[in-house]
Amino acid sequence: MAYSMTGYGKAVAELPNKKITVEIKSLNSKQFDLFTRLPSAYREKEIALRNSLARRLVRGKVDLSMNVEVIAKDVTSKIDYNVLGQYYREISGLADQLNIPPPQEWFPVLLRLPDVMRQEQEELSDEEWNVIEQAVDQAVDDTIAFRRQEGEMLARVLATKISNIRTLLEAVEPFEEERVEKVKSRIREGLNGLEGIEYDKNRFEQEMIYYIEKLDLNEEKNRLAHHLDYFISTLKEKEPQGKKLGFIAQEIGREINTLGSKSNQSGMQRIVVQMKDELEQIKEQILNVL
């Protein structure tokens, strides 16, 4: 089963005095990259969160954010007298220097300035963190479910593209006999045009067989068919196989390129171009497979 690296999950932790919303977004990446936006009270848990998410999400560019909404009516806050006094002295000094009147009402002005009011921060308790961990786990579960749904869609697209290449490979066969006969006819016509030159017909037949064997496509067709089967079986595996699918796609590309180099017939060349187009679309989709 294929999983996408694109995902989204959200969960809410309810506490007596606050509500914490956890959101996880993930996009494709070559490795696991985590970006966090956490309240300062939870920063000490960042390493534990990183390890947990890396184990479960495996790969991708992951964005984890926590938003805290205080819902208690009796929030404890204090005025920082040092900060307030510093603001008062600086504003008074500036008023004198610039010859402008100071505020008529100081407190509405001063209390709105940064860091004058500071809320007392409680220590993070085990009970609170347990609730938050459950919310993070739920958000991860939702993200994985989202990835699974996206992965199923990706798997269908990839399977269709592989099937298209297989159909194109079968379409090569009618051109093969015609291609060989054209090569034989062209060589015979060239020899017949050389008047007065005798040649060993047995040696000619040997050379013809050797030349035609070099143009034979059976080995490349068999290898390509094997790679297509291997791709589909890998796509059905339970473990994340995005990188492995990428390697198989490279092998598919090598065989298609070999077919193209051996095809000296316009119909076959058109088929090879179509194969390459399907393969490029496969490679684009694989970038998002976990």
C-alpha atoms as a PDB file:
ATOM      1  CA  MET A   1       0.000   0.000   0.000  1.00  0.00           C
ATOM      2  CA  ALA A   2       1.461   3.341  -1.058  1.00  0.00           C
ATOM      3  CA  TYR A   3       1.414   6.330   1.246  1.00  0.00           C
ATOM      4  CA  SER A   4       1.717   9.923   0.126  1.00  0.00           C
ATOM      5  CA  MET A   5       3.982  12.361   1.961  1.00  0.00           C
ATOM      6  CA  THR A   6       1.247  14.995   1.723  1.00  0.00           C
ATOM      7  CA  GLY A   7      -0.888  15.014   4.851  1.00  0.00           C
ATOM      8  CA  TYR A   8      -2.796  17.077   7.392  1.00  0.00           C
ATOM      9  CA  GLY A   9      -3.960  16.382  10.914  1.00  0.00           C
ATOM     10  CA  LYS A  10      -5.559  18.413  13.703  1.00  0.00           C
ATOM     11  CA  ALA A  11      -6.510  17.721  17.319  1.00  0.00           C
ATOM     12  CA  VAL A  12      -7.588  19.761  20.347  1.00  0.00           C
ATOM     13  CA  ALA A  13      -6.492  19.217  23.966  1.00  0.00           C
ATOM     14  CA  GLU A  14      -8.931  20.527  26.586  1.00  0.00           C
ATOM     15  CA  LEU A  15      -7.542  21.552  29.982  1.00  0.00           C
ATOM     16  CA  PRO A  16      -9.311  23.295  32.893  1.00  0.00           C
ATOM     17  CA  ASN A  17      -7.747  26.679  32.101  1.00  0.00           C
ATOM     18  CA  LYS A  18      -6.714  26.443  28.458  1.00  0.00           C
ATOM     19  CA  LYS A  19      -7.413  24.901  25.072  1.00  0.00           C
ATOM     20  CA  ILE A  20      -4.476  23.716  22.960  1.00  0.00           C
ATOM     21  CA  THR A  21      -4.874  23.171  19.217  1.00  0.00           C
ATOM     22  CA  VAL A  22      -2.306  20.909  17.542  1.00  0.00           C
ATOM     23  CA  GLU A  23      -1.878  21.025  13.767  1.00  0.00           C
ATOM     24  CA  ILE A  24       0.418  18.919  11.574  1.00  0.00           C
ATOM     25  CA  LYS A  25       1.081  19.541   7.888  1.00  0.00           C
ATOM     26  CA  SER A  26       3.432  17.442   5.762  1.00  0.00           C
ATOM     27  CA  LEU A  27       4.811  17.714   2.237  1.00  0.00           C
ATOM     28  CA  ASN A  28       7.287  15.678   0.206  1.00  0.00           C
ATOM     29  CA  SER A  29      10.994  15.744   1.066  1.00  0.00           C
ATOM     30  CA  LYS A  30      13.970  13.426   0.622  1.00  0.00           C
ATOM     31  CA  GLN A  31      14.292  12.984   4.384  1.00  0.00           C
ATOM     32  CA  PHE A  32      12.458  13.888   7.590  1.00  0.00           C
ATOM     33  CA  ASP A  33      12.486  17.659   8.168  1.00  0.00           C
ATOM     34  CA  LEU A  34      10.536  18.963  11.168  1.00  0.00           C
ATOM     35  CA  PHE A  35       9.641  22.615  11.749  1.00  0.00           C
ATOM     36  CA  THR A  36       7.936  23.450  15.055  1.00  0.00           C
ATOM     37  CA  ARG A  37       6.025  26.413  16.423  1.00  0.00           C
ATOM     38  CA  LEU A  38       5.596  25.735  20.117  1.00  0.00           C
ATOM     39  CA  PRO A  39       4.682  27.917  23.107  1.00  0.00           C
ATOM     40  CA  SER A  40       7.716  28.602  25.298  1.00  0.00           C
ATOM     41  CA  ALA A  41       6.269  26.422  28.089  1.00  0.00           C
ATOM     42  CA  TYR A  42       6.532  23.335  25.841  1.00  0.00           C
ATOM     43  CA  ARG A  43       9.954  23.947  24.310  1.00  0.00           C
ATOM     44  CA  GLU A  44      11.569  21.481  26.697  1.00  0.00           C
ATOM     45  CA  LYS A  45       9.593  18.690  25.027  1.00  0.00           C
ATOM     46  CA  GLU A  46      10.690  19.491  21.467  1.00  0.00           C
ATOM     47  CA  ILE A  47      13.271  16.690  21.221  1.00  0.00           C
ATOM     48  CA  ALA A  48      10.751  14.100  22.456  1.00  0.00           C
ATOM     49  CA  LEU A  49       8.213  15.366  19.914  1.00  0.00           C
ATOM     50  CA  ARG A  50      10.793  15.258  17.138  1.00  0.00           C
ATOM     51  CA  ASN A  51      11.718  11.640  17.891  1.00  0.00           C
ATOM     52  CA  SER A  52       8.081  10.567  18.092  1.00  0.00           C
ATOM     53  CA  LEU A  53       7.101  12.219  14.799  1.00  0.00           C
ATOM     54  CA  ALA A  54      10.216  10.947  12.988  1.00  0.00           C
ATOM     55  CA  ARG A  55       9.380   7.383  14.037  1.00  0.00           C
ATOM     56  CA  ARG A  56       5.761   7.541  12.882  1.00  0.00           C
ATOM     57  CA  LEU A  57       5.872   9.843   9.849  1.00  0.00           C
ATOM     58  CA  VAL A  58       9.242   8.511   8.576  1.00  0.00           C
ATOM     59  CA  ARG A  59       9.842  11.047   5.805  1.00  0.00           C
ATOM     60  CA  GLY A  60       8.639  14.417   4.570  1.00  0.00           C
ATOM     61  CA  LYS A  61       8.727  18.108   5.387  1.00  0.00           C
ATOM     62  CA  VAL A  62       6.591  18.266   8.541  1.00  0.00           C
ATOM     63  CA  ASP A  63       5.220  21.433  10.148  1.00  0.00           C
ATOM     64  CA  LEU A  64       4.000  21.072  13.767  1.00  0.00           C
ATOM     65  CA  SER A  65       2.245  23.977  15.465  1.00  0.00           C
ATOM     66  CA  MET A  66       0.556  24.383  18.843  1.00  0.00           C
ATOM     67  CA  ASN A  67      -1.788  27.255  19.629  1.00  0.00           C
ATOM     68  CA  VAL A  68      -2.772  27.926  23.264  1.00  0.00           C
ATOM     69  CA  GLU A  69      -6.042  29.678  24.065  1.00  0.00           C
ATOM     70  CA  VAL A  70      -6.359  30.673  27.746  1.00  0.00           C
ATOM     71  CA  ILE A  71      -9.946  30.210  28.923  1.00  0.00           C
ATOM     72  CA  ALA A  72      -9.566  30.719  32.685  1.00  0.00           C
ATOM     73  CA  LYS A  73     -11.252  33.798  34.129  1.00  0.00           C
ATOM     74  CA  ASP A  74      -8.707  34.384  36.876  1.00  0.00           C
ATOM     75  CA  VAL A  75      -5.453  34.592  34.907  1.00  0.00           C
ATOM     76  CA  THR A  76      -2.615  35.730  37.147  1.00  0.00           C
ATOM     77  CA  SER A  77      -0.626  38.619  35.709  1.00  0.00           C
ATOM     78  CA  LYS A  78       1.682  41.238  37.185  1.00  0.00           C
ATOM     79  CA  ILE A  79       2.984  44.664  36.255  1.00  0.00           C
ATOM     80  CA  ASP A  80       6.716  44.817  35.688  1.00  0.00           C
ATOM     81  CA  TYR A  81       7.499  48.039  37.587  1.00  0.00           C
ATOM     82  CA  ASN A  82      11.039  48.292  36.237  1.00  0.00           C
ATOM     83  CA  VAL A  83       9.864  48.131  32.610  1.00  0.00           C
ATOM     84  CA  LEU A  84       6.995  50.547  33.269  1.00  0.00           C
ATOM     85  CA  GLY A  85       9.342  53.041  35.032  1.00  0.00           C
ATOM     86  CA  GLN A  86      11.867  52.834  32.185  1.00  0.00           C
ATOM     87  CA  TYR A  87       9.157  53.578  29.619  1.00  0.00           C
ATOM     88  CA  TYR A  88       7.943  56.558  31.734  1.00  0.00           C
ATOM     89  CA  ARG A  89      11.414  58.091  32.026  1.00  0.00           C
ATOM     90  CA  GLU A  90      12.212  57.656  28.313  1.00  0.00           C
ATOM     91  CA  ILE A  91       8.889  59.107  27.166  1.00  0.00           C
ATOM     92  CA  SER A  92       9.212  62.065  29.583  1.00  0.00           C
ATOM     93  CA  GLY A  93      12.773  62.743  28.403  1.00  0.00           C
ATOM     94  CA  LEU A  94      11.723  62.614  24.747  1.00  0.00           C
ATOM     95  CA  ALA A  95       8.828  65.000  25.437  1.00  0.00           C
ATOM     96  CA  ASP A  96      11.245  67.532  26.954  1.00  0.00           C
ATOM     97  CA  GLN A  97      13.776  67.144  24.108  1.00  0.00           C
ATOM     98  CA  LEU A  98      11.191  67.474  21.367  1.00  0.00           C
ATOM     99  CA  ASN A  99       9.241  70.169  23.195  1.00  0.00           C
ATOM    100  CA  ILE A 100       5.961  68.283  22.988  1.00  0.00           C
ATOM    101  CA  PRO A 101       3.457  67.769  25.844  1.00  0.00           C
ATOM    102  CA  PRO A 102       3.583  64.403  27.637  1.00  0.00           C
ATOM    103  CA  PRO A 103       0.432  62.239  27.784  1.00  0.00           C
ATOM    104  CA  GLN A 104      -2.290  63.595  30.052  1.00  0.00           C
ATOM    105  CA  GLU A 105      -3.186  60.066  31.142  1.00  0.00           C
ATOM    106  CA  TRP A 106      -0.086  57.927  31.588  1.00  0.00           C
ATOM    107  CA  PHE A 107      -1.475  54.539  32.570  1.00  0.00           C
ATOM    108  CA  PRO A 108      -3.532  53.769  29.410  1.00  0.00           C
ATOM    109  CA  VAL A 109      -0.396  54.519  27.387  1.00  0.00           C
ATOM    110  CA  LEU A 110       2.134  52.674  29.534  1.00  0.00           C
ATOM    111  CA  LEU A 111       0.087  49.527  30.170  1.00  0.00           C
ATOM    112  CA  ARG A 112      -0.261  48.882  26.421  1.00  0.00           C
ATOM    113  CA  LEU A 113       3.490  48.870  25.841  1.00  0.00           C
ATOM    114  CA  PRO A 114       5.335  45.548  25.353  1.00  0.00           C
ATOM    115  CA  ASP A 115       6.447  43.560  28.428  1.00  0.00           C
ATOM    116  CA  VAL A 116       4.783  45.869  30.977  1.00  0.00           C
ATOM    117  CA  MET A 117       2.219  43.201  31.814  1.00  0.00           C
ATOM    118  CA  ARG A 118       3.654  39.758  32.299  1.00  0.00           C
ATOM    119  CA  GLN A 119       1.664  36.665  32.953  1.00  0.00           C
ATOM    120  CA  GLU A 120       2.986  34.259  35.539  1.00  0.00           C
ATOM    121  CA  GLN A 121       3.994  31.046  33.826  1.00  0.00           C
ATOM    122  CA  GLU A 122       3.264  27.820  35.616  1.00  0.00           C
ATOM    123  CA  GLU A 123       5.571  24.844  35.362  1.00  0.00           C
ATOM    124  CA  LEU A 124       4.521  22.172  32.890  1.00  0.00           C
ATOM    125  CA  SER A 125       2.948  19.311  34.827  1.00  0.00           C
ATOM    126  CA  ASP A 126       3.008  15.649  33.828  1.00  0.00           C
ATOM    127  CA  GLU A 127      -0.799  15.611  33.692  1.00  0.00           C
ATOM    128  CA  GLU A 128      -0.899  18.548  31.268  1.00  0.00           C
ATOM    129  CA  TRP A 129       1.777  17.053  29.034  1.00  0.00           C
ATOM    130  CA  ASN A 130      -0.010  13.698  28.921  1.00  0.00           C
ATOM    131  CA  VAL A 131      -3.101  15.439  27.574  1.00  0.00           C
ATOM    132  CA  ILE A 132      -1.019  17.307  24.991  1.00  0.00           C
ATOM    133  CA  GLU A 133       0.763  14.097  23.931  1.00  0.00           C
ATOM    134  CA  GLN A 134      -2.596  12.451  23.306  1.00  0.00           C
ATOM    135  CA  ALA A 135      -3.595  15.397  21.102  1.00  0.00           C
ATOM    136  CA  VAL A 136      -0.310  15.147  19.170  1.00  0.00           C
ATOM    137  CA  ASP A 137      -0.838  11.402  18.681  1.00  0.00           C
ATOM    138  CA  GLN A 138      -4.353  12.058  17.396  1.00  0.00           C
ATOM    139  CA  ALA A 139      -3.058  14.689  14.977  1.00  0.00           C
ATOM    140  CA  VAL A 140      -0.419  12.215  13.744  1.00  0.00           C
ATOM    141  CA  ASP A 141      -3.113   9.536  13.301  1.00  0.00           C
ATOM    142  CA  ASP A 142      -5.157  11.966  11.214  1.00  0.00           C
ATOM    143  CA  THR A 143      -2.078  12.865   9.147  1.00  0.00           C
ATOM    144  CA  ILE A 144      -1.326   9.190   8.461  1.00  0.00           C
ATOM    145  CA  ALA A 145      -4.962   8.573   7.476  1.00  0.00           C
ATOM    146  CA  PHE A 146      -4.741  11.544   5.103  1.00  0.00           C
ATOM    147  CA  ARG A 147      -1.479  10.158   3.670  1.00  0.00           C
ATOM    148  CA  ARG A 148      -3.086   6.759   3.170  1.00  0.00           C
ATOM    149  CA  GLN A 149      -6.004   8.271   1.251  1.00  0.00           C
ATOM    150  CA  GLU A 150      -3.662  10.320  -0.933  1.00  0.00           C
ATOM    151  CA  GLY A 151      -1.425   7.264  -1.376  1.00  0.00           C
ATOM    152  CA  GLU A 152      -4.297   5.156  -2.694  1.00  0.00           C
ATOM    153  CA  MET A 153      -4.929   7.792  -5.348  1.00  0.00           C
ATOM    154  CA  LEU A 154      -1.217   7.905  -6.218  1.00  0.00           C
ATOM    155  CA  ALA A 155      -1.074   4.107  -6.475  1.00  0.00           C
ATOM    156  CA  ARG A 156      -3.969   4.076  -8.953  1.00  0.00           C
ATOM    157  CA  VAL A 157      -2.279   6.732 -11.091  1.00  0.00           C
ATOM    158  CA  LEU A 158       1.064   4.893 -11.047  1.00  0.00           C
ATOM    159  CA  ALA A 159      -0.538   1.536 -11.846  1.00  0.00           C
ATOM    160  CA  THR A 160      -2.324   3.115 -14.821  1.00  0.00           C
ATOM    161  CA  LYS A 161       0.927   4.599 -16.134  1.00  0.00           C
ATOM    162  CA  ILE A 162       2.735   1.247 -15.796  1.00  0.00           C
ATOM    163  CA  SER A 163      -0.144  -0.434 -17.629  1.00  0.00           C
ATOM    164  CA  ASN A 164       0.175   2.134 -20.404  1.00  0.00           C
ATOM    165  CA  ILE A 165       3.879   1.327 -20.815  1.00  0.00           C
ATOM    166  CA  ARG A 166       3.062  -2.385 -20.890  1.00  0.00           C
ATOM    167  CA  THR A 167       0.483  -1.803 -23.631  1.00  0.00           C
ATOM    168  CA  LEU A 168       3.001   0.242 -25.610  1.00  0.00           C
ATOM    169  CA  LEU A 169       5.565  -2.536 -25.200  1.00  0.00           C
ATOM    170  CA  GLU A 170       3.130  -5.019 -26.722  1.00  0.00           C
ATOM    171  CA  ALA A 171       2.554  -2.574 -29.575  1.00  0.00           C
ATOM    172  CA  VAL A 172       6.240  -2.858 -30.522  1.00  0.00           C
ATOM    173  CA  GLU A 173       5.923  -6.483 -31.680  1.00  0.00           C
ATOM    174  CA  PRO A 174       4.133  -5.907 -35.028  1.00  0.00           C
ATOM    175  CA  PHE A 175       6.918  -3.559 -36.103  1.00  0.00           C
ATOM    176  CA  GLU A 176       9.735  -6.008 -35.377  1.00  0.00           C
ATOM    177  CA  GLU A 177       9.319  -8.426 -38.321  1.00  0.00           C
ATOM    178  CA  GLU A 178       8.727  -5.550 -40.715  1.00  0.00           C
ATOM    179  CA  ARG A 179      11.842  -3.835 -39.362  1.00  0.00           C
ATOM    180  CA  VAL A 180      14.062  -6.918 -39.884  1.00  0.00           C
ATOM    181  CA  GLU A 181      12.760  -7.506 -43.407  1.00  0.00           C
ATOM    182  CA  LYS A 182      13.444  -3.894 -44.320  1.00  0.00           C
ATOM    183  CA  VAL A 183      17.026  -4.212 -43.082  1.00  0.00           C
ATOM    184  CA  LYS A 184      17.554  -7.396 -45.133  1.00  0.00           C
ATOM    185  CA  SER A 185      16.045  -5.853 -48.275  1.00  0.00           C
ATOM    186  CA  ARG A 186      18.136  -2.707 -47.957  1.00  0.00           C
ATOM    187  CA  ILE A 187      21.391  -4.692 -47.644  1.00  0.00           C
ATOM    188  CA  ARG A 188      20.523  -6.975 -50.583  1.00  0.00           C
ATOM    189  CA  GLU A 189      19.627  -4.013 -52.770  1.00  0.00           C
ATOM    190  CA  GLY A 190      22.955  -2.415 -51.908  1.00  0.00           C
ATOM    191  CA  LEU A 191      24.880  -5.558 -52.846  1.00  0.00           C
ATOM    192  CA  ASN A 192      22.956  -6.042 -56.069  1.00  0.00           C
ATOM    193  CA  GLY A 193      23.831  -2.511 -57.062  1.00  0.00           C
ATOM    194  CA  LEU A 194      27.545  -3.341 -56.950  1.00  0.00           C
ATOM    195  CA  GLU A 195      28.101  -4.693 -60.470  1.00  0.00           C
ATOM    196  CA  GLY A 196      30.910  -7.087 -61.123  1.00  0.00           C
ATOM    197  CA  ILE A 197      31.572  -7.887 -57.481  1.00  0.00           C
ATOM    198  CA  GLU A 198      31.302 -11.459 -56.276  1.00  0.00           C
ATOM    199  CA  TYR A 199      30.611 -12.269 -52.618  1.00  0.00           C
ATOM    200  CA  ASP A 200      30.396 -15.398 -50.513  1.00  0.00           C
ATOM    201  CA  LYS A 201      26.696 -16.026 -49.942  1.00  0.00           C
ATOM    202  CA  ASN A 202      27.323 -18.201 -46.880  1.00  0.00           C
ATOM    203  CA  ARG A 203      29.453 -15.486 -45.305  1.00  0.00           C
ATOM    204  CA  PHE A 204      26.812 -12.958 -46.244  1.00  0.00           C
ATOM    205  CA  GLU A 205      24.141 -14.972 -44.425  1.00  0.00           C
ATOM    206  CA  GLN A 206      26.377 -15.262 -41.324  1.00  0.00           C
ATOM    207  CA  GLU A 207      26.991 -11.530 -41.288  1.00  0.00           C
ATOM    208  CA  MET A 208      23.288 -10.892 -41.804  1.00  0.00           C
ATOM    209  CA  ILE A 209      22.395 -13.102 -38.833  1.00  0.00           C
ATOM    210  CA  TYR A 210      24.996 -11.351 -36.667  1.00  0.00           C
ATOM    211  CA  TYR A 211      23.712  -7.921 -37.644  1.00  0.00           C
ATOM    212  CA  ILE A 212      20.072  -8.853 -37.056  1.00  0.00           C
ATOM    213  CA  GLU A 213      20.938 -10.324 -33.626  1.00  0.00           C
ATOM    214  CA  LYS A 214      22.404  -6.968 -32.658  1.00  0.00           C
ATOM    215  CA  LEU A 215      19.054  -5.404 -33.517  1.00  0.00           C
ATOM    216  CA  ASP A 216      17.076  -8.049 -31.619  1.00  0.00           C
ATOM    217  CA  LEU A 217      14.866  -6.550 -28.899  1.00  0.00           C
ATOM    218  CA  ASN A 218      13.781  -9.664 -26.992  1.00  0.00           C
ATOM    219  CA  GLU A 219      16.259  -9.211 -24.151  1.00  0.00           C
ATOM    220  CA  GLU A 220      15.318  -5.557 -23.615  1.00  0.00           C
ATOM    221  CA  LYS A 221      11.599  -6.364 -23.845  1.00  0.00           C
ATOM    222  CA  ASN A 222      11.898  -9.145 -21.272  1.00  0.00           C
ATOM    223  CA  ARG A 223      13.877  -6.970 -18.868  1.00  0.00           C
ATOM    224  CA  LEU A 224      11.424  -4.100 -19.269  1.00  0.00           C
ATOM    225  CA  ALA A 225       8.458  -6.411 -18.630  1.00  0.00           C
ATOM    226  CA  HIS A 226      10.215  -7.728 -15.509  1.00  0.00           C
ATOM    227  CA  HIS A 227      10.820  -4.188 -14.203  1.00  0.00           C
ATOM    228  CA  LEU A 228       7.149  -3.309 -14.782  1.00  0.00           C
ATOM    229  CA  ASP A 229       6.049  -6.374 -12.780  1.00  0.00           C
ATOM    230  CA  TYR A 230       8.541  -5.532 -10.028  1.00  0.00           C
ATOM    231  CA  PHE A 231       7.239  -1.956  -9.838  1.00  0.00           C
ATOM    232  CA  ILE A 232       3.640  -3.134  -9.323  1.00  0.00           C
ATOM    233  CA  SER A 233       4.595  -5.724  -6.684  1.00  0.00           C
ATOM    234  CA  THR A 234       6.669  -3.118  -4.815  1.00  0.00           C
ATOM    235  CA  LEU A 235       3.756  -0.684  -4.965  1.00  0.00           C
ATOM    236  CA  LYS A 236       1.650  -3.213  -3.023  1.00  0.00           C
ATOM    237  CA  GLU A 237       4.155  -3.696  -0.188  1.00  0.00           C
ATOM    238  CA  LYS A 238       3.173  -2.470   3.284  1.00  0.00           C
ATOM    239  CA  GLU A 239       6.416  -0.677   4.135  1.00  0.00           C
ATOM    240  CA  PRO A 240       7.245   2.771   2.648  1.00  0.00           C
ATOM    241  CA  GLN A 241       8.829   2.148  -0.752  1.00  0.00           C
ATOM    242  CA  GLY A 242       9.076   5.574  -2.415  1.00  0.00           C
ATOM    243  CA  LYS A 243      12.854   5.464  -2.826  1.00  0.00           C
ATOM    244  CA  LYS A 244      12.759   1.869  -4.098  1.00  0.00           C
ATOM    245  CA  LEU A 245      10.131   2.784  -6.687  1.00  0.00           C
ATOM    246  CA  GLY A 246      12.429   5.579  -7.824  1.00  0.00           C
ATOM    247  CA  PHE A 247      15.270   3.110  -8.406  1.00  0.00           C
ATOM    248  CA  ILE A 248      12.981   0.772 -10.369  1.00  0.00           C
ATOM    249  CA  ALA A 249      11.802   3.695 -12.501  1.00  0.00           C
ATOM    250  CA  GLN A 250      15.449   4.399 -13.365  1.00  0.00           C
ATOM    251  CA  GLU A 251      15.877   0.798 -14.576  1.00  0.00           C
ATOM    252  CA  ILE A 252      12.686   1.081 -16.624  1.00  0.00           C
ATOM    253  CA  GLY A 253      14.142   4.209 -18.208  1.00  0.00           C
ATOM    254  CA  ARG A 254      17.370   2.415 -19.148  1.00  0.00           C
ATOM    255  CA  GLU A 255      15.503  -0.325 -21.012  1.00  0.00           C
ATOM    256  CA  ILE A 256      13.270   2.194 -22.808  1.00  0.00           C
ATOM    257  CA  ASN A 257      16.375   4.136 -23.882  1.00  0.00           C
ATOM    258  CA  THR A 258      17.947   0.933 -25.226  1.00  0.00           C
ATOM    259  CA  LEU A 259      14.789   0.189 -27.203  1.00  0.00           C
ATOM    260  CA  GLY A 260      14.995   3.681 -28.619  1.00  0.00           C
ATOM    261  CA  SER A 261      18.635   3.309 -29.649  1.00  0.00           C
ATOM    262  CA  LYS A 262      17.880   0.022 -31.454  1.00  0.00           C
ATOM    263  CA  SER A 263      14.688   1.156 -33.161  1.00  0.00           C
ATOM    264  CA  ASN A 264      15.399   2.277 -36.689  1.00  0.00           C
ATOM    265  CA  GLN A 265      11.748   2.287 -37.646  1.00  0.00           C
ATOM    266  CA  SER A 266       9.556   5.404 -37.301  1.00  0.00           C
ATOM    267  CA  GLY A 267       6.589   3.546 -35.804  1.00  0.00           C
ATOM    268  CA  MET A 268       8.743   2.060 -33.046  1.00  0.00           C
ATOM    269  CA  GLN A 269      10.363   5.404 -32.359  1.00  0.00           C
ATOM    270  CA  ARG A 270       6.958   6.987 -31.810  1.00  0.00           C
ATOM    271  CA  ILE A 271       6.113   4.221 -29.329  1.00  0.00           C
ATOM    272  CA  VAL A 272       9.387   4.776 -27.453  1.00  0.00           C
ATOM    273  CA  VAL A 273       8.624   8.509 -27.186  1.00  0.00           C
ATOM    274  CA  GLN A 274       5.208   7.668 -25.703  1.00  0.00           C
ATOM    275  CA  MET A 275       6.856   5.304 -23.211  1.00  0.00           C
ATOM    276  CA  LYS A 276       9.246   8.061 -22.130  1.00  0.00           C
ATOM    277  CA  ASP A 277       6.342  10.448 -21.640  1.00  0.00           C
ATOM    278  CA  GLU A 278       4.526   7.947 -19.392  1.00  0.00           C
ATOM    279  CA  LEU A 279       7.742   7.321 -17.441  1.00  0.00           C
ATOM    280  CA  GLU A 280       8.328  11.036 -16.821  1.00  0.00           C
ATOM    281  CA  GLN A 281       4.850  11.293 -15.325  1.00  0.00           C
ATOM    282  CA  ILE A 282       5.626   8.280 -13.120  1.00  0.00           C
ATOM    283  CA  LYS A 283       8.821   9.923 -11.860  1.00  0.00           C
ATOM    284  CA  GLU A 284       6.929  13.102 -10.985  1.00  0.00           C
ATOM    285  CA  GLN A 285       4.351  11.163  -8.965  1.00  0.00           C
ATOM    286  CA  ILE A 286       6.986   9.048  -7.176  1.00  0.00           C
ATOM    287  CA  LEU A 287       8.487  12.209  -5.640  1.00  0.00           C
ATOM    288  CA  ASN A 288       5.435  12.340  -3.352  1.00  0.00           C
ATOM    289  CA  VAL A 289       5.393   8.634  -2.411  1.00  0.00           C
ATOM    290  CA  LEU A 290       6.555   7.881   1.131  1.00  0.00           C
END
